[in-house]
């Protein structure tokens, strides 16, 4: 790649981070050697983001890195896991020093925020793509699983939904917005607020969660499939941000909230007998979450508006 060898590239742009807990051997050998904290399980997830598909190819490399790490860590949040380590495989058309410097700044800025260490990876030449595997640890009895929803559980969602899809419309120049709104939606797209601390606290009251990447209905549907249940959510209860309400009509906002994806909030369920404890946790930890529906018998996941079933125009992100 350009005038740098693979090892020089790694050393110059990705080798300077101070390792966190459990890293016995990090970057520089054939494998990393890691120690999982005693009494905890290892949680592992991997995501690939392709330039031109998951982010604009000409985007700021710092923001590409921040988005890539945050959307990967979102899976750890949904399991109630603490981030620990990551590996990076990056494919580049060319090894441009300015691009790499920006990417590494963004990566390590987010890594510091989430206390996660880069412990290995790979670099290759080709169309722009970023793959991050993230590793976390979780107490076995507190891991949140898609298969643990029960009939009667209340369905909650953190933060707001629909902003990610709106941001993409702004990026694609399908919508024009003012400076303040543009800043808001770009932050929601490139630096979404990942729910690590809230979900760690909510592990006391919830055993079932999923991050919202493909769209609320699609991802809640994954919970229903894994748990053998159905779900009914109410359109009027969905948390939609003021910037989104001001940006477009209510029908489009609802469609994006249900099926737009890219929000990286968390959908989770709570038994009715734990709602009081949930409210205590919300106040103690300043957790923003909204009850939007209920787990029911059956297998369908639907949204109702004034008693009518709402069918969004799109059905969530399709990987293929």
C-alpha atoms as a PDB file:
ATOM      1  CA  UNK A   1       0.000   0.000   0.000  1.00  0.00           C
ATOM      2  CA  UNK A   2       1.630   3.208  -1.217  1.00  0.00           C
ATOM      3  CA  UNK A   3       5.124   3.391   0.325  1.00  0.00           C
ATOM      4  CA  UNK A   4       4.160   1.786   3.625  1.00  0.00           C
ATOM      5  CA  UNK A   5       4.341  -1.922   4.288  1.00  0.00           C
ATOM      6  CA  UNK A   6       1.413  -3.540   6.114  1.00  0.00           C
ATOM      7  CA  UNK A   7       3.372  -3.679   9.355  1.00  0.00           C
ATOM      8  CA  UNK A   8       4.518  -0.076   9.058  1.00  0.00           C
ATOM      9  CA  UNK A   9       0.929   1.004   8.442  1.00  0.00           C
ATOM     10  CA  UNK A  10      -0.286  -0.869  11.517  1.00  0.00           C
ATOM     11  CA  UNK A  11       2.506   0.438  13.706  1.00  0.00           C
ATOM     12  CA  UNK A  12       2.141   4.061  12.559  1.00  0.00           C
ATOM     13  CA  UNK A  13      -1.639   4.400  12.732  1.00  0.00           C
ATOM     14  CA  UNK A  14      -2.960   1.652  15.012  1.00  0.00           C
ATOM     15  CA  UNK A  15      -0.197   0.621  17.384  1.00  0.00           C
ATOM     16  CA  UNK A  16      -0.121   3.375  19.986  1.00  0.00           C
ATOM     17  CA  UNK A  17      -3.146   2.646  22.171  1.00  0.00           C
ATOM     18  CA  UNK A  18      -2.622   1.770  25.821  1.00  0.00           C
ATOM     19  CA  UNK A  19      -4.081  -1.691  26.467  1.00  0.00           C
ATOM     20  CA  UNK A  20      -6.945  -2.132  28.908  1.00  0.00           C
ATOM     21  CA  UNK A  21      -7.595  -4.898  31.428  1.00  0.00           C
ATOM     22  CA  UNK A  22      -6.934  -8.480  30.380  1.00  0.00           C
ATOM     23  CA  UNK A  23      -4.572  -7.854  27.445  1.00  0.00           C
ATOM     24  CA  UNK A  24      -1.592 -10.140  28.036  1.00  0.00           C
ATOM     25  CA  UNK A  25      -0.331  -9.698  24.476  1.00  0.00           C
ATOM     26  CA  UNK A  26      -1.799  -7.255  21.977  1.00  0.00           C
ATOM     27  CA  UNK A  27      -0.838  -6.020  18.525  1.00  0.00           C
ATOM     28  CA  UNK A  28       2.398  -7.334  17.031  1.00  0.00           C
ATOM     29  CA  UNK A  29       2.159 -11.134  17.152  1.00  0.00           C
ATOM     30  CA  UNK A  30       0.188 -13.839  15.337  1.00  0.00           C
ATOM     31  CA  UNK A  31      -2.559 -13.729  17.987  1.00  0.00           C
ATOM     32  CA  UNK A  32      -3.592 -11.585  20.904  1.00  0.00           C
ATOM     33  CA  UNK A  33      -3.566 -13.249  24.319  1.00  0.00           C
ATOM     34  CA  UNK A  34      -6.467 -12.165  26.495  1.00  0.00           C
ATOM     35  CA  UNK A  35      -7.786 -13.014  29.942  1.00  0.00           C
ATOM     36  CA  UNK A  36     -11.537 -12.923  30.524  1.00  0.00           C
ATOM     37  CA  UNK A  37     -12.469 -11.585  33.981  1.00  0.00           C
ATOM     38  CA  UNK A  38     -13.171 -14.378  36.436  1.00  0.00           C
ATOM     39  CA  UNK A  39     -16.803 -15.392  36.688  1.00  0.00           C
ATOM     40  CA  UNK A  40     -17.851 -13.666  33.471  1.00  0.00           C
ATOM     41  CA  UNK A  41     -18.672 -14.884  29.965  1.00  0.00           C
ATOM     42  CA  UNK A  42     -17.114 -13.602  26.744  1.00  0.00           C
ATOM     43  CA  UNK A  43     -19.564 -11.768  24.432  1.00  0.00           C
ATOM     44  CA  UNK A  44     -18.401 -11.486  20.815  1.00  0.00           C
ATOM     45  CA  UNK A  45     -19.958  -9.695  17.831  1.00  0.00           C
ATOM     46  CA  UNK A  46     -18.727  -8.708  14.367  1.00  0.00           C
ATOM     47  CA  UNK A  47     -19.927  -6.133  11.829  1.00  0.00           C
ATOM     48  CA  UNK A  48     -18.760  -5.208   8.335  1.00  0.00           C
ATOM     49  CA  UNK A  49     -19.453  -1.753   6.903  1.00  0.00           C
ATOM     50  CA  UNK A  50     -18.981  -1.257   3.169  1.00  0.00           C
ATOM     51  CA  UNK A  51     -18.197   2.129   1.652  1.00  0.00           C
ATOM     52  CA  UNK A  52     -21.113   3.303  -0.477  1.00  0.00           C
ATOM     53  CA  UNK A  53     -23.536   0.949   1.291  1.00  0.00           C
ATOM     54  CA  UNK A  54     -23.187   1.507   5.041  1.00  0.00           C
ATOM     55  CA  UNK A  55     -21.603   4.958   4.830  1.00  0.00           C
ATOM     56  CA  UNK A  56     -20.732   7.435   2.052  1.00  0.00           C
ATOM     57  CA  UNK A  57     -17.337   6.691   0.520  1.00  0.00           C
ATOM     58  CA  UNK A  58     -16.364  10.371   0.683  1.00  0.00           C
ATOM     59  CA  UNK A  59     -17.337  10.784   4.356  1.00  0.00           C
ATOM     60  CA  UNK A  60     -14.870  12.173   6.894  1.00  0.00           C
ATOM     61  CA  UNK A  61     -12.671   9.191   7.887  1.00  0.00           C
ATOM     62  CA  UNK A  62     -12.882  10.177  11.562  1.00  0.00           C
ATOM     63  CA  UNK A  63     -16.657   9.855  11.361  1.00  0.00           C
ATOM     64  CA  UNK A  64     -16.461   6.575   9.436  1.00  0.00           C
ATOM     65  CA  UNK A  65     -14.361   5.121  12.257  1.00  0.00           C
ATOM     66  CA  UNK A  66     -16.647   6.457  14.975  1.00  0.00           C
ATOM     67  CA  UNK A  67     -19.723   5.051  13.257  1.00  0.00           C
ATOM     68  CA  UNK A  68     -18.083   1.680  12.630  1.00  0.00           C
ATOM     69  CA  UNK A  69     -17.074   1.171  16.249  1.00  0.00           C
ATOM     70  CA  UNK A  70     -20.311   2.486  17.724  1.00  0.00           C
ATOM     71  CA  UNK A  71     -22.599   0.302  15.627  1.00  0.00           C
ATOM     72  CA  UNK A  72     -20.458  -2.711  16.545  1.00  0.00           C
ATOM     73  CA  UNK A  73     -20.499  -1.927  20.272  1.00  0.00           C
ATOM     74  CA  UNK A  74     -24.274  -1.527  20.105  1.00  0.00           C
ATOM     75  CA  UNK A  75     -24.531  -5.333  19.999  1.00  0.00           C
ATOM     76  CA  UNK A  76     -22.617  -5.552  23.276  1.00  0.00           C
ATOM     77  CA  UNK A  77     -24.986  -3.009  24.812  1.00  0.00           C
ATOM     78  CA  UNK A  78     -27.996  -5.129  23.855  1.00  0.00           C
ATOM     79  CA  UNK A  79     -26.473  -8.092  25.714  1.00  0.00           C
ATOM     80  CA  UNK A  80     -25.692  -6.028  28.815  1.00  0.00           C
ATOM     81  CA  UNK A  81     -21.960  -6.626  28.206  1.00  0.00           C
ATOM     82  CA  UNK A  82     -19.008  -4.386  29.055  1.00  0.00           C
ATOM     83  CA  UNK A  83     -16.733  -3.627  26.056  1.00  0.00           C
ATOM     84  CA  UNK A  84     -13.168  -4.924  26.449  1.00  0.00           C
ATOM     85  CA  UNK A  85     -11.321  -5.616  23.183  1.00  0.00           C
ATOM     86  CA  UNK A  86     -11.686  -5.238  19.431  1.00  0.00           C
ATOM     87  CA  UNK A  87      -9.986  -6.416  16.262  1.00  0.00           C
ATOM     88  CA  UNK A  88     -10.047  -4.432  13.020  1.00  0.00           C
ATOM     89  CA  UNK A  89      -9.883  -5.651   9.427  1.00  0.00           C
ATOM     90  CA  UNK A  90      -9.781  -2.750   6.995  1.00  0.00           C
ATOM     91  CA  UNK A  91      -9.696  -2.846   3.200  1.00  0.00           C
ATOM     92  CA  UNK A  92      -8.444   0.313   1.491  1.00  0.00           C
ATOM     93  CA  UNK A  93      -8.172   1.376  -2.164  1.00  0.00           C
ATOM     94  CA  UNK A  94      -4.847   3.024  -1.208  1.00  0.00           C
ATOM     95  CA  UNK A  95      -2.927   3.848   1.954  1.00  0.00           C
ATOM     96  CA  UNK A  96      -3.445   7.618   2.085  1.00  0.00           C
ATOM     97  CA  UNK A  97      -1.740   9.027   5.164  1.00  0.00           C
ATOM     98  CA  UNK A  98      -4.257  11.826   5.736  1.00  0.00           C
ATOM     99  CA  UNK A  99      -7.191   9.395   5.531  1.00  0.00           C
ATOM    100  CA  UNK A 100      -5.535   6.870   7.837  1.00  0.00           C
ATOM    101  CA  UNK A 101      -4.593   9.543  10.378  1.00  0.00           C
ATOM    102  CA  UNK A 102      -8.185  10.747  10.508  1.00  0.00           C
ATOM    103  CA  UNK A 103      -9.594   7.221  10.730  1.00  0.00           C
ATOM    104  CA  UNK A 104      -7.280   6.255  13.590  1.00  0.00           C
ATOM    105  CA  UNK A 105      -8.152   9.471  15.481  1.00  0.00           C
ATOM    106  CA  UNK A 106     -11.859   8.723  15.229  1.00  0.00           C
ATOM    107  CA  UNK A 107     -11.383   5.064  16.142  1.00  0.00           C
ATOM    108  CA  UNK A 108      -9.327   5.745  19.250  1.00  0.00           C
ATOM    109  CA  UNK A 109     -11.566   8.644  20.325  1.00  0.00           C
ATOM    110  CA  UNK A 110     -14.547   6.277  20.467  1.00  0.00           C
ATOM    111  CA  UNK A 111     -12.392   3.489  21.902  1.00  0.00           C
ATOM    112  CA  UNK A 112     -11.432   5.743  24.815  1.00  0.00           C
ATOM    113  CA  UNK A 113     -15.082   6.634  25.422  1.00  0.00           C
ATOM    114  CA  UNK A 114     -16.062   2.971  25.666  1.00  0.00           C
ATOM    115  CA  UNK A 115     -12.827   1.737  27.298  1.00  0.00           C
ATOM    116  CA  UNK A 116     -12.117  -0.819  24.578  1.00  0.00           C
ATOM    117  CA  UNK A 117      -8.651  -1.832  23.320  1.00  0.00           C
ATOM    118  CA  UNK A 118      -7.541  -2.645  19.780  1.00  0.00           C
ATOM    119  CA  UNK A 119      -5.684  -5.973  20.048  1.00  0.00           C
ATOM    120  CA  UNK A 120      -5.211  -7.074  16.433  1.00  0.00           C
ATOM    121  CA  UNK A 121      -6.509  -7.082  12.888  1.00  0.00           C
ATOM    122  CA  UNK A 122      -5.607  -7.095   9.217  1.00  0.00           C
ATOM    123  CA  UNK A 123      -5.161  -4.660   6.327  1.00  0.00           C
ATOM    124  CA  UNK A 124      -5.724  -5.362   2.622  1.00  0.00           C
ATOM    125  CA  UNK A 125      -6.040  -3.444  -0.657  1.00  0.00           C
ATOM    126  CA  UNK A 126      -9.442  -3.254  -2.343  1.00  0.00           C
ATOM    127  CA  UNK A 127     -12.816  -1.460  -2.204  1.00  0.00           C
ATOM    128  CA  UNK A 128     -13.267   0.452   1.057  1.00  0.00           C
ATOM    129  CA  UNK A 129     -14.607  -1.783   3.850  1.00  0.00           C
ATOM    130  CA  UNK A 130     -14.306  -1.804   7.636  1.00  0.00           C
ATOM    131  CA  UNK A 131     -14.847  -4.932   9.739  1.00  0.00           C
ATOM    132  CA  UNK A 132     -14.776  -4.729  13.518  1.00  0.00           C
ATOM    133  CA  UNK A 133     -15.057  -7.642  15.884  1.00  0.00           C
ATOM    134  CA  UNK A 134     -15.829  -6.500  19.414  1.00  0.00           C
ATOM    135  CA  UNK A 135     -15.394  -8.524  22.576  1.00  0.00           C
ATOM    136  CA  UNK A 136     -17.050  -7.854  25.907  1.00  0.00           C
ATOM    137  CA  UNK A 137     -17.726  -9.591  29.191  1.00  0.00           C
ATOM    138  CA  UNK A 138     -20.989 -10.196  30.978  1.00  0.00           C
ATOM    139  CA  UNK A 139     -22.172 -11.944  34.110  1.00  0.00           C
ATOM    140  CA  UNK A 140     -23.802 -15.200  32.897  1.00  0.00           C
ATOM    141  CA  UNK A 141     -27.040 -14.644  34.795  1.00  0.00           C
ATOM    142  CA  UNK A 142     -27.360 -11.083  33.457  1.00  0.00           C
ATOM    143  CA  UNK A 143     -26.882 -11.647  29.723  1.00  0.00           C
ATOM    144  CA  UNK A 144     -29.909 -10.360  27.785  1.00  0.00           C
ATOM    145  CA  UNK A 145     -31.163 -12.805  25.164  1.00  0.00           C
ATOM    146  CA  UNK A 146     -33.643 -12.462  22.311  1.00  0.00           C
ATOM    147  CA  UNK A 147     -35.282 -15.693  23.464  1.00  0.00           C
ATOM    148  CA  UNK A 148     -36.357 -14.469  26.912  1.00  0.00           C
ATOM    149  CA  UNK A 149     -39.489 -12.404  26.130  1.00  0.00           C
ATOM    150  CA  UNK A 150     -42.639 -13.649  27.870  1.00  0.00           C
ATOM    151  CA  UNK A 151     -46.329 -13.022  27.255  1.00  0.00           C
ATOM    152  CA  UNK A 152     -47.397 -10.008  29.307  1.00  0.00           C
ATOM    153  CA  UNK A 153     -43.979  -8.331  29.245  1.00  0.00           C
ATOM    154  CA  UNK A 154     -43.971  -4.617  28.504  1.00  0.00           C
ATOM    155  CA  UNK A 155     -41.936  -3.570  25.451  1.00  0.00           C
ATOM    156  CA  UNK A 156     -39.606  -0.597  25.891  1.00  0.00           C
ATOM    157  CA  UNK A 157     -37.241   1.317  23.642  1.00  0.00           C
ATOM    158  CA  UNK A 158     -34.380   3.596  24.673  1.00  0.00           C
ATOM    159  CA  UNK A 159     -33.939   7.105  23.269  1.00  0.00           C
ATOM    160  CA  UNK A 160     -35.786   8.011  20.092  1.00  0.00           C
ATOM    161  CA  UNK A 161     -36.375   6.108  16.853  1.00  0.00           C
ATOM    162  CA  UNK A 162     -36.469   7.263  13.242  1.00  0.00           C
ATOM    163  CA  UNK A 163     -33.544   9.694  13.354  1.00  0.00           C
ATOM    164  CA  UNK A 164     -31.146   7.301  11.644  1.00  0.00           C
ATOM    165  CA  UNK A 165     -33.338   6.957   8.560  1.00  0.00           C
ATOM    166  CA  UNK A 166     -33.960  10.703   8.475  1.00  0.00           C
ATOM    167  CA  UNK A 167     -30.205  11.316   8.655  1.00  0.00           C
ATOM    168  CA  UNK A 168     -29.649   9.028   5.687  1.00  0.00           C
ATOM    169  CA  UNK A 169     -32.257  10.955   3.696  1.00  0.00           C
ATOM    170  CA  UNK A 170     -30.387  14.168   4.530  1.00  0.00           C
ATOM    171  CA  UNK A 171     -27.046  12.636   3.511  1.00  0.00           C
ATOM    172  CA  UNK A 172     -28.555  11.492   0.197  1.00  0.00           C
ATOM    173  CA  UNK A 173     -29.882  15.054  -0.305  1.00  0.00           C
ATOM    174  CA  UNK A 174     -33.469  13.839  -0.405  1.00  0.00           C
ATOM    175  CA  UNK A 175     -34.256  16.419   2.294  1.00  0.00           C
ATOM    176  CA  UNK A 176     -32.929  19.918   2.916  1.00  0.00           C
ATOM    177  CA  UNK A 177     -32.484  21.083   6.497  1.00  0.00           C
ATOM    178  CA  UNK A 178     -31.053  24.044   8.343  1.00  0.00           C
ATOM    179  CA  UNK A 179     -27.646  24.107  10.018  1.00  0.00           C
ATOM    180  CA  UNK A 180     -28.880  23.067  13.468  1.00  0.00           C
ATOM    181  CA  UNK A 181     -30.987  20.182  12.182  1.00  0.00           C
ATOM    182  CA  UNK A 182     -28.163  19.057   9.893  1.00  0.00           C
ATOM    183  CA  UNK A 183     -25.787  18.890  12.863  1.00  0.00           C
ATOM    184  CA  UNK A 184     -28.334  16.924  14.887  1.00  0.00           C
ATOM    185  CA  UNK A 185     -28.999  14.308  12.220  1.00  0.00           C
ATOM    186  CA  UNK A 186     -25.321  13.883  11.339  1.00  0.00           C
ATOM    187  CA  UNK A 187     -24.543  13.193  14.990  1.00  0.00           C
ATOM    188  CA  UNK A 188     -27.346  10.613  15.091  1.00  0.00           C
ATOM    189  CA  UNK A 189     -25.922   8.898  12.011  1.00  0.00           C
ATOM    190  CA  UNK A 190     -22.172   9.003  12.652  1.00  0.00           C
ATOM    191  CA  UNK A 191     -22.008   9.116  16.463  1.00  0.00           C
ATOM    192  CA  UNK A 192     -25.190   7.466  17.789  1.00  0.00           C
ATOM    193  CA  UNK A 193     -25.484   7.334  21.559  1.00  0.00           C
ATOM    194  CA  UNK A 194     -24.770   3.691  22.392  1.00  0.00           C
ATOM    195  CA  UNK A 195     -26.597   2.394  25.464  1.00  0.00           C
ATOM    196  CA  UNK A 196     -23.794   0.603  27.344  1.00  0.00           C
ATOM    197  CA  UNK A 197     -24.342   2.125  30.800  1.00  0.00           C
ATOM    198  CA  UNK A 198     -28.161   2.119  30.676  1.00  0.00           C
ATOM    199  CA  UNK A 199     -28.341  -1.519  29.607  1.00  0.00           C
ATOM    200  CA  UNK A 200     -25.840  -2.557  32.248  1.00  0.00           C
ATOM    201  CA  UNK A 201     -28.172  -1.068  34.849  1.00  0.00           C
ATOM    202  CA  UNK A 202     -31.312  -2.469  33.231  1.00  0.00           C
ATOM    203  CA  UNK A 203     -29.919  -6.007  33.387  1.00  0.00           C
ATOM    204  CA  UNK A 204     -31.455  -6.051  36.888  1.00  0.00           C
ATOM    205  CA  UNK A 205     -34.961  -5.964  35.421  1.00  0.00           C
ATOM    206  CA  UNK A 206     -34.695  -7.262  31.857  1.00  0.00           C
ATOM    207  CA  UNK A 207     -33.500 -10.542  30.364  1.00  0.00           C
ATOM    208  CA  UNK A 208     -34.456  -9.780  26.756  1.00  0.00           C
ATOM    209  CA  UNK A 209     -33.110  -7.095  24.437  1.00  0.00           C
ATOM    210  CA  UNK A 210     -31.971  -6.334  20.900  1.00  0.00           C
ATOM    211  CA  UNK A 211     -30.310  -3.321  19.321  1.00  0.00           C
ATOM    212  CA  UNK A 212     -32.279  -1.458  16.651  1.00  0.00           C
ATOM    213  CA  UNK A 213     -30.176  -1.629  13.523  1.00  0.00           C
ATOM    214  CA  UNK A 214     -32.525  -3.040  10.876  1.00  0.00           C
ATOM    215  CA  UNK A 215     -35.662  -1.203  12.060  1.00  0.00           C
ATOM    216  CA  UNK A 216     -37.846  -1.384  15.181  1.00  0.00           C
ATOM    217  CA  UNK A 217     -40.470  -3.750  13.758  1.00  0.00           C
ATOM    218  CA  UNK A 218     -37.886  -6.005  12.127  1.00  0.00           C
ATOM    219  CA  UNK A 219     -35.717  -6.226  15.232  1.00  0.00           C
ATOM    220  CA  UNK A 220     -38.636  -6.686  17.625  1.00  0.00           C
ATOM    221  CA  UNK A 221     -39.743  -9.391  15.190  1.00  0.00           C
ATOM    222  CA  UNK A 222     -36.420 -11.161  15.825  1.00  0.00           C
ATOM    223  CA  UNK A 223     -37.279 -11.198  19.546  1.00  0.00           C
ATOM    224  CA  UNK A 224     -40.729 -12.600  18.767  1.00  0.00           C
ATOM    225  CA  UNK A 225     -39.296 -15.352  16.552  1.00  0.00           C
ATOM    226  CA  UNK A 226     -36.671 -16.359  19.110  1.00  0.00           C
ATOM    227  CA  UNK A 227     -39.121 -16.280  22.040  1.00  0.00           C
ATOM    228  CA  UNK A 228     -42.108 -17.852  20.276  1.00  0.00           C
ATOM    229  CA  UNK A 229     -44.396 -14.884  21.019  1.00  0.00           C
ATOM    230  CA  UNK A 230     -46.072 -11.936  19.316  1.00  0.00           C
ATOM    231  CA  UNK A 231     -45.933  -8.215  20.034  1.00  0.00           C
ATOM    232  CA  UNK A 232     -48.251  -5.239  19.709  1.00  0.00           C
ATOM    233  CA  UNK A 233     -46.851  -1.716  19.811  1.00  0.00           C
ATOM    234  CA  UNK A 234     -48.785   1.543  19.702  1.00  0.00           C
ATOM    235  CA  UNK A 235     -47.814   4.191  17.156  1.00  0.00           C
ATOM    236  CA  UNK A 236     -48.831   7.035  19.427  1.00  0.00           C
ATOM    237  CA  UNK A 237     -46.354   5.924  22.103  1.00  0.00           C
ATOM    238  CA  UNK A 238     -43.273   5.789  19.892  1.00  0.00           C
ATOM    239  CA  UNK A 239     -40.567   8.260  21.010  1.00  0.00           C
ATOM    240  CA  UNK A 240     -39.932  10.477  17.977  1.00  0.00           C
ATOM    241  CA  UNK A 241     -37.566  13.429  18.336  1.00  0.00           C
ATOM    242  CA  UNK A 242     -38.676  17.029  17.856  1.00  0.00           C
ATOM    243  CA  UNK A 243     -36.181  17.559  14.990  1.00  0.00           C
ATOM    244  CA  UNK A 244     -37.710  14.612  13.141  1.00  0.00           C
ATOM    245  CA  UNK A 245     -41.287  15.796  13.757  1.00  0.00           C
ATOM    246  CA  UNK A 246     -40.350  19.201  12.363  1.00  0.00           C
ATOM    247  CA  UNK A 247     -38.503  17.727   9.394  1.00  0.00           C
ATOM    248  CA  UNK A 248     -41.295  15.770   7.737  1.00  0.00           C
ATOM    249  CA  UNK A 249     -44.943  14.730   7.892  1.00  0.00           C
ATOM    250  CA  UNK A 250     -46.223  12.383  10.600  1.00  0.00           C
ATOM    251  CA  UNK A 251     -46.699   9.432   8.227  1.00  0.00           C
ATOM    252  CA  UNK A 252     -43.098   9.543   7.013  1.00  0.00           C
ATOM    253  CA  UNK A 253     -41.796  10.014  10.557  1.00  0.00           C
ATOM    254  CA  UNK A 254     -43.788   6.973  11.699  1.00  0.00           C
ATOM    255  CA  UNK A 255     -42.524   4.909   8.760  1.00  0.00           C
ATOM    256  CA  UNK A 256     -38.909   5.780   9.593  1.00  0.00           C
ATOM    257  CA  UNK A 257     -39.469   5.076  13.290  1.00  0.00           C
ATOM    258  CA  UNK A 258     -40.882   1.626  12.556  1.00  0.00           C
ATOM    259  CA  UNK A 259     -38.708   0.475   9.689  1.00  0.00           C
ATOM    260  CA  UNK A 260     -35.929   2.951   8.962  1.00  0.00           C
ATOM    261  CA  UNK A 261     -33.147   1.311  10.959  1.00  0.00           C
ATOM    262  CA  UNK A 262     -29.739   2.787  11.834  1.00  0.00           C
ATOM    263  CA  UNK A 263     -30.956   4.065  15.216  1.00  0.00           C
ATOM    264  CA  UNK A 264     -28.796   1.807  17.438  1.00  0.00           C
ATOM    265  CA  UNK A 265     -31.116   2.274  20.355  1.00  0.00           C
ATOM    266  CA  UNK A 266     -32.196  -0.833  22.292  1.00  0.00           C
ATOM    267  CA  UNK A 267     -35.582  -2.534  22.393  1.00  0.00           C
ATOM    268  CA  UNK A 268     -36.109  -4.589  25.559  1.00  0.00           C
ATOM    269  CA  UNK A 269     -38.870  -6.227  27.569  1.00  0.00           C
ATOM    270  CA  UNK A 270     -39.724  -6.064  31.268  1.00  0.00           C
ATOM    271  CA  UNK A 271     -42.134  -8.149  33.334  1.00  0.00           C
ATOM    272  CA  UNK A 272     -44.999  -6.074  34.816  1.00  0.00           C
ATOM    273  CA  UNK A 273     -43.900  -7.000  38.340  1.00  0.00           C
ATOM    274  CA  UNK A 274     -40.547  -5.285  37.742  1.00  0.00           C
ATOM    275  CA  UNK A 275     -41.865  -1.980  36.402  1.00  0.00           C
ATOM    276  CA  UNK A 276     -41.538  -0.254  39.777  1.00  0.00           C
ATOM    277  CA  UNK A 277     -37.878  -1.267  39.964  1.00  0.00           C
ATOM    278  CA  UNK A 278     -37.379  -0.097  36.383  1.00  0.00           C
ATOM    279  CA  UNK A 279     -38.722   3.331  37.300  1.00  0.00           C
ATOM    280  CA  UNK A 280     -36.250   3.498  40.191  1.00  0.00           C
ATOM    281  CA  UNK A 281     -33.387   2.628  37.854  1.00  0.00           C
ATOM    282  CA  UNK A 282     -34.525   5.242  35.353  1.00  0.00           C
ATOM    283  CA  UNK A 283     -34.314   7.936  38.006  1.00  0.00           C
ATOM    284  CA  UNK A 284     -31.045   6.703  39.543  1.00  0.00           C
ATOM    285  CA  UNK A 285     -29.192   6.370  36.248  1.00  0.00           C
ATOM    286  CA  UNK A 286     -31.060   8.996  34.187  1.00  0.00           C
ATOM    287  CA  UNK A 287     -32.141   6.366  31.662  1.00  0.00           C
ATOM    288  CA  UNK A 288     -34.351   7.521  28.808  1.00  0.00           C
ATOM    289  CA  UNK A 289     -36.717   4.739  27.793  1.00  0.00           C
ATOM    290  CA  UNK A 290     -40.360   4.574  26.740  1.00  0.00           C
ATOM    291  CA  UNK A 291     -42.998   1.846  27.056  1.00  0.00           C
ATOM    292  CA  UNK A 292     -44.338   1.275  23.549  1.00  0.00           C
ATOM    293  CA  UNK A 293     -46.321  -1.954  23.715  1.00  0.00           C
ATOM    294  CA  UNK A 294     -46.706  -5.482  25.028  1.00  0.00           C
ATOM    295  CA  UNK A 295     -45.646  -9.052  24.315  1.00  0.00           C
ATOM    296  CA  UNK A 296     -48.702 -11.160  23.419  1.00  0.00           C
ATOM    297  CA  UNK A 297     -49.576 -14.699  22.411  1.00  0.00           C
ATOM    298  CA  UNK A 298     -49.086 -15.612  18.771  1.00  0.00           C
ATOM    299  CA  UNK A 299     -46.235 -14.893  16.406  1.00  0.00           C
ATOM    300  CA  UNK A 300     -47.054 -11.572  14.715  1.00  0.00           C
ATOM    301  CA  UNK A 301     -45.293  -8.308  15.495  1.00  0.00           C
ATOM    302  CA  UNK A 302     -47.600  -5.410  14.633  1.00  0.00           C
ATOM    303  CA  UNK A 303     -48.030  -1.698  15.211  1.00  0.00           C
ATOM    304  CA  UNK A 304     -51.474  -0.224  15.853  1.00  0.00           C
ATOM    305  CA  UNK A 305     -52.588   3.357  15.310  1.00  0.00           C
ATOM    306  CA  UNK A 306     -56.064   4.145  16.643  1.00  0.00           C
ATOM    307  CA  UNK A 307     -56.905   0.460  16.410  1.00  0.00           C
ATOM    308  CA  UNK A 308     -55.682   0.000  12.827  1.00  0.00           C
ATOM    309  CA  UNK A 309     -52.616  -2.013  11.817  1.00  0.00           C
ATOM    310  CA  UNK A 310     -49.853   0.182  10.419  1.00  0.00           C
ATOM    311  CA  UNK A 311     -47.851  -1.419   7.597  1.00  0.00           C
ATOM    312  CA  UNK A 312     -44.686   0.600   6.903  1.00  0.00           C
ATOM    313  CA  UNK A 313     -43.617   1.139   3.306  1.00  0.00           C
ATOM    314  CA  UNK A 314     -40.270  -0.487   4.032  1.00  0.00           C
ATOM    315  CA  UNK A 315     -39.709  -3.517   6.226  1.00  0.00           C
ATOM    316  CA  UNK A 316     -36.273  -2.842   7.679  1.00  0.00           C
ATOM    317  CA  UNK A 317     -32.747  -3.040   6.351  1.00  0.00           C
ATOM    318  CA  UNK A 318     -32.055  -6.021   4.075  1.00  0.00           C
ATOM    319  CA  UNK A 319     -28.493  -7.380   4.159  1.00  0.00           C
ATOM    320  CA  UNK A 320     -28.969  -9.189   0.838  1.00  0.00           C
END
